[in-house]
Protein backbone atom coordinates (compact mmCIF):
# COMPACT_ATOMS: atom_id res chain seq x y z
CA MET A 1 16.07 -3.72 23.71
CA ASN A 2 13.87 -6.52 22.60
CA GLU A 3 16.49 -9.54 21.86
CA ALA A 4 14.05 -11.46 19.78
CA PHE A 5 13.45 -8.23 17.38
CA GLU A 6 17.01 -7.50 17.02
CA PHE A 7 17.98 -11.02 16.19
CA TYR A 8 14.96 -11.44 13.63
CA TYR A 9 16.27 -8.28 11.80
CA SER A 10 19.99 -9.02 12.10
CA ALA A 11 19.06 -12.30 10.66
CA LEU A 12 17.23 -10.67 7.53
CA TYR A 13 19.89 -7.74 6.93
CA GLY A 14 23.13 -9.15 8.70
CA ASP A 15 25.71 -6.40 9.10
CA ARG A 16 23.23 -3.84 7.30
CA TRP A 17 20.94 -3.98 10.19
CA GLU A 18 22.67 -1.57 12.41
CA GLY A 19 23.05 1.13 10.02
CA LEU A 20 19.34 0.63 8.90
CA ARG A 21 18.12 0.77 12.40
CA LYS A 22 19.87 4.19 13.09
CA ASN A 23 18.29 5.39 9.92
CA LEU A 24 14.87 4.06 11.16
CA LEU A 25 15.15 6.07 14.55
CA GLU A 26 15.95 9.38 12.81
CA ASP A 27 13.24 11.89 12.31
CA ARG A 28 13.08 13.31 8.78
CA PRO A 29 11.03 16.46 7.50
CA ALA A 30 8.01 15.13 5.33
CA TYR A 31 7.12 15.66 1.90
CA ALA A 32 4.68 18.47 1.34
CA PHE A 33 2.56 16.80 -1.28
CA SER A 34 0.42 19.63 -3.24
CA GLN A 35 -0.49 18.80 -6.68
CA GLY A 36 -4.21 19.35 -7.14
CA LEU A 37 -4.94 20.07 -3.66
CA ARG A 38 -6.38 22.96 -1.72
CA LEU A 39 -3.60 22.51 1.10
CA PRO A 40 -0.58 20.51 1.21
CA TYR A 41 -0.27 17.17 2.93
CA PHE A 42 2.81 15.84 4.60
CA LEU A 43 3.84 12.28 4.28
CA ASP A 44 6.79 10.18 3.35
CA TYR A 45 7.88 10.51 -0.30
CA ALA A 46 8.13 6.91 -0.68
CA SER A 47 4.01 6.73 -0.07
CA VAL A 48 3.85 9.31 -2.89
CA LEU A 49 5.86 6.75 -4.91
CA ALA A 50 3.83 3.93 -4.10
CA ALA A 51 0.75 5.87 -5.12
CA ARG A 52 1.57 6.98 -8.28
CA SER A 53 2.59 3.48 -9.24
CA LEU A 54 -1.38 2.59 -9.50
CA ARG A 55 -2.17 2.80 -13.39
CA LEU A 56 -5.07 4.83 -13.87
CA ALA A 57 -6.74 3.31 -17.19
CA PRO A 58 -6.42 6.36 -19.16
CA ALA A 59 -8.49 4.40 -21.95
CA GLU A 60 -11.48 4.30 -19.49
CA PRO A 61 -12.01 7.75 -18.56
CA ALA A 62 -15.19 6.50 -16.47
CA PHE A 63 -13.41 4.13 -14.38
CA THR A 64 -13.57 3.53 -10.75
CA ALA A 65 -10.15 2.92 -8.49
CA LEU A 66 -10.21 1.55 -5.06
CA ASP A 67 -7.79 2.38 -2.18
CA ALA A 68 -8.52 -0.74 -0.01
CA CYS A 69 -6.90 0.45 3.09
CA ALA A 70 -6.95 4.34 2.73
CA ALA A 71 -6.76 5.72 6.26
CA PRO A 72 -5.05 8.32 7.03
CA GLY A 73 -5.70 9.41 3.57
CA GLY A 74 -2.24 10.61 2.14
CA LYS A 75 -2.19 8.16 -0.62
CA SER A 76 -5.76 8.59 -1.50
CA LEU A 77 -4.93 12.55 -1.95
CA VAL A 78 -2.25 11.23 -4.33
CA ILE A 79 -4.57 9.10 -6.56
CA ALA A 80 -7.41 11.49 -6.48
CA SER A 81 -5.00 14.22 -7.75
CA ALA A 82 -4.44 12.41 -11.04
CA LEU A 83 -7.81 11.14 -11.50
CA PRO A 84 -9.53 12.31 -15.04
CA ALA A 85 -12.66 14.08 -14.60
CA GLU A 86 -14.90 11.17 -15.19
CA ALA A 87 -13.22 8.61 -12.81
CA ARG A 88 -13.94 7.91 -9.27
CA LEU A 89 -12.16 7.08 -6.40
CA LEU A 90 -13.48 4.66 -3.48
CA ALA A 91 -11.48 5.44 -0.29
CA ASN A 92 -11.96 2.27 1.94
CA GLU A 93 -11.45 2.00 5.59
CA PHE A 94 -12.82 -0.77 7.81
CA SER A 95 -12.12 0.94 11.03
CA ALA A 96 -14.76 3.73 11.97
CA ASP A 97 -12.57 5.92 14.05
CA ARG A 98 -9.82 5.74 11.03
CA ARG A 99 -12.60 6.32 8.50
CA ARG A 100 -13.73 9.47 10.10
CA ARG A 101 -10.09 10.52 10.02
CA LEU A 102 -9.89 9.63 6.44
CA SER A 103 -13.02 11.78 5.67
CA GLU A 104 -11.57 14.80 7.47
CA VAL A 105 -8.26 14.67 5.29
CA LEU A 106 -10.36 14.24 2.29
CA ASP A 107 -12.56 17.26 3.34
CA LYS A 108 -9.87 19.39 4.26
CA HIS A 109 -7.11 18.76 1.48
CA LEU A 110 -9.22 18.07 -1.82
CA THR A 111 -10.81 20.86 -4.05
CA ARG A 112 -14.68 20.63 -4.30
CA GLU A 113 -14.47 19.11 -7.73
CA LYS A 114 -12.00 16.59 -6.76
CA ARG A 115 -14.01 15.88 -3.30
CA GLU A 116 -17.06 15.10 -5.55
CA GLN A 117 -15.15 12.42 -7.20
CA VAL A 118 -14.13 10.56 -4.04
CA ARG A 119 -16.54 8.45 -2.05
CA VAL A 120 -15.55 6.73 1.24
CA SER A 121 -16.73 3.22 2.44
CA GLY A 122 -16.24 1.04 5.33
CA PHE A 123 -16.22 -2.50 4.27
CA ASP A 124 -13.50 -5.40 5.11
CA ALA A 125 -11.57 -5.61 2.11
CA ALA A 126 -10.57 -9.09 3.02
CA ALA A 127 -13.77 -10.39 2.76
CA GLN A 128 -15.11 -8.31 -0.27
CA GLY A 129 -13.77 -10.83 -2.45
CA GLY A 130 -16.33 -13.24 -1.37
CA ARG A 131 -19.05 -11.42 -2.98
CA LYS A 132 -19.21 -12.44 -6.60
CA GLY A 133 -21.32 -9.24 -7.65
CA GLU A 134 -17.99 -7.20 -6.76
CA HIS A 135 -15.80 -9.31 -8.86
CA GLY A 136 -14.17 -7.02 -11.35
CA ARG A 137 -15.54 -3.88 -10.47
CA PHE A 138 -12.31 -1.73 -10.12
CA ALA A 139 -9.97 -0.92 -12.83
CA ALA A 140 -7.26 -0.05 -10.41
CA ILE A 141 -6.78 -0.79 -6.82
CA LEU A 142 -4.12 0.18 -4.21
CA LEU A 143 -3.45 -2.02 -1.39
CA ASP A 144 -1.44 -0.42 1.27
CA ALA A 145 -1.60 -3.15 3.93
CA PRO A 146 -1.49 -3.16 7.75
CA CYS A 147 1.95 -4.19 8.44
CA SER A 148 4.74 -4.54 11.24
CA ALA A 149 5.72 -0.74 10.55
CA GLU A 150 8.82 -1.52 12.17
CA ALA A 151 9.93 2.05 12.30
CA HIS A 152 7.19 2.94 14.36
CA ILE A 153 7.65 -0.06 16.53
CA LEU A 154 11.38 1.02 17.31
CA LYS A 155 10.20 4.47 18.55
CA ASP A 156 7.60 2.92 20.78
CA GLY A 157 9.07 1.09 23.82
CA ARG A 158 5.84 -0.92 24.76
CA ALA A 159 5.17 -2.00 21.33
CA LEU A 160 8.92 -2.89 21.06
CA SER A 161 8.96 -5.08 24.21
CA ALA A 162 5.51 -6.48 23.00
CA TRP A 163 7.01 -7.85 19.79
CA THR A 164 7.37 -11.39 18.88
CA PRO A 165 8.25 -13.33 15.73
CA ALA A 166 4.44 -14.31 15.48
CA ARG A 167 3.73 -10.75 14.80
CA PRO A 168 5.13 -10.68 11.00
CA ARG A 169 3.81 -14.08 10.61
CA PHE A 170 0.06 -12.99 11.54
CA LEU A 171 0.18 -9.96 9.62
CA ALA A 172 1.44 -11.69 6.30
CA ARG A 173 -1.80 -14.14 6.82
CA ARG A 174 -4.23 -10.78 6.99
CA GLN A 175 -2.09 -9.03 4.19
CA TRP A 176 -2.59 -12.13 1.91
CA ALA A 177 -6.72 -12.26 2.41
CA LEU A 178 -6.53 -8.76 1.51
CA LEU A 179 -4.21 -9.15 -1.37
CA SER A 180 -6.10 -12.13 -2.65
CA SER A 181 -9.56 -10.34 -2.27
CA ALA A 182 -8.13 -7.41 -4.20
CA PHE A 183 -7.37 -9.56 -7.05
CA LEU A 184 -10.90 -10.63 -7.37
CA LEU A 185 -12.33 -7.26 -7.28
CA LEU A 186 -9.75 -6.28 -10.20
CA SER A 187 -11.26 -6.10 -13.46
CA PRO A 188 -9.44 -7.76 -16.31
CA CYS A 189 -6.23 -5.56 -17.63
CA GLY A 190 -6.63 -3.72 -14.03
CA SER A 191 -3.60 -2.49 -12.11
CA LEU A 192 -2.96 -3.63 -8.59
CA VAL A 193 -0.33 -2.09 -6.35
CA TYR A 194 0.57 -4.02 -3.15
CA ALA A 195 2.34 -1.66 -0.84
CA THR A 196 3.69 -2.17 3.00
CA CYS A 197 6.13 -0.18 5.20
CA ALA A 198 7.47 -3.36 6.42
CA LEU A 199 10.88 -4.64 6.56
CA SER A 200 10.47 -8.36 6.29
CA ALA A 201 10.20 -10.44 3.04
CA GLU A 202 7.48 -12.52 4.90
CA GLU A 203 5.00 -9.50 4.72
CA ASN A 204 6.32 -8.12 1.22
CA ASP A 205 7.56 -10.84 -1.51
CA GLY A 206 6.48 -13.68 0.57
CA VAL A 207 2.77 -12.41 0.22
CA ALA A 208 3.22 -11.21 -3.61
CA ARG A 209 4.58 -14.94 -4.43
CA ARG A 210 1.29 -16.18 -3.16
CA LEU A 211 -0.55 -14.31 -6.07
CA PHE A 212 1.05 -16.26 -8.46
CA GLU A 213 0.74 -19.66 -6.61
CA LYS A 214 -2.91 -18.98 -6.55
CA TYR A 215 -4.01 -17.37 -9.78
CA GLY A 216 -1.16 -18.74 -11.88
CA GLY A 217 -1.44 -17.20 -15.31
CA LEU A 218 -4.16 -14.82 -14.43
CA ALA A 219 -1.66 -12.30 -12.71
CA PHE A 220 1.41 -11.11 -14.06
CA LEU A 221 4.11 -8.71 -12.98
CA ASP A 222 4.03 -4.99 -13.79
CA PRO A 223 7.40 -3.68 -12.05
CA PRO A 224 7.15 -0.36 -10.59
CA ASP A 225 8.91 2.45 -12.81
CA PHE A 226 10.49 4.51 -10.18
CA SER A 227 14.08 4.12 -9.56
CA GLU A 228 14.45 4.69 -5.71
CA GLY A 229 15.36 1.83 -3.57
CA GLU A 230 16.06 -1.50 -4.44
CA LYS A 231 14.77 -4.53 -6.49
CA THR A 232 13.43 -7.41 -4.70
CA GLU A 233 11.95 -10.79 -6.51
CA PHE A 234 8.39 -9.02 -7.19
CA GLY A 235 8.96 -5.61 -6.53
CA ARG A 236 11.08 -2.71 -5.07
CA ILE A 237 11.78 -1.99 -1.53
CA ILE A 238 12.81 1.48 -0.41
CA LEU A 239 15.25 1.66 2.55
CA PRO A 240 16.13 4.83 4.10
CA ASP A 241 19.68 3.90 4.83
CA ASN A 242 20.27 3.84 0.94
CA SER A 243 17.41 6.20 -0.34
CA GLY A 244 18.03 9.53 1.25
CA GLY A 245 16.08 8.87 4.22
CA ILE A 246 12.75 7.98 2.57
CA GLY A 247 10.81 4.73 3.29
CA PRO A 248 10.65 1.99 4.49
CA MET A 249 8.24 1.26 1.77
CA TYR A 250 7.58 -2.20 -0.41
CA VAL A 251 5.89 -1.82 -3.73
CA ALA A 252 4.79 -4.68 -6.14
CA ARG A 253 2.72 -3.93 -9.30
CA PHE A 254 0.52 -6.66 -10.94
CA ARG A 255 -2.02 -6.52 -13.91
CA LYS A 256 -4.62 -9.15 -14.44
CA THR A 257 -4.72 -10.79 -17.86
CA PRO A 258 -7.42 -9.89 -20.15
CA VAL A 259 -8.87 -13.27 -20.33
CA ASN A 260 -12.50 -14.08 -20.03
CA GLY A 261 -13.38 -15.55 -16.65
CA ALA A 262 -10.23 -14.00 -15.20
CA ASP A 263 -12.15 -12.61 -12.02
């Protein structure tokens, strides 16, 4: 047991932590997502809810959406299944190894018609916002950011023993770079979903708060419309101890104001 880990999350969740920790350690059957797919893809149902939260610009059938950190591909499949025929999805993954896995998942599960609507790319999503020519390119962006993934850490003795309180702080800095960049890439009136499987508010509401601190009135909240989980300051968090075993998953949804120069 890592005492620093236990102290950190006990401070966050109080008496709830013991039961939540137990739930995180339990293995539960994955949800078989099959809508519009050749073969079902198994993932946590909370991930389906996060991907379905992205608003797909029905008034602009030829829009392009971005899954900014797409591997292993489950959320990209959910988004692709809902794309209008003229729309496109850019499934992006910076890691070459993970990008290969992403392409394999898309090839295996999407129909030929849907696969033609999805392109795979490999840019650094945190740096892409620095390219002025890319600003406003995407009508909808899902950012499922790399995070602490405490449910996985608890099941990996080596990762648990190596954990320190610096980990969520480090990840929150990377998450903010990704979110800030994604907001620049978003078109006016566009939909942006920020999601993590982290338990820490530092990686969830703490990162979302910075969007309003930096961009002020250019961003506004568009709360997720699913009922699972519990409300937070800027979104919803689904935790397995009170959501039938699904999660963890934090989801915050934003829109960009339709103002000239918003990007």
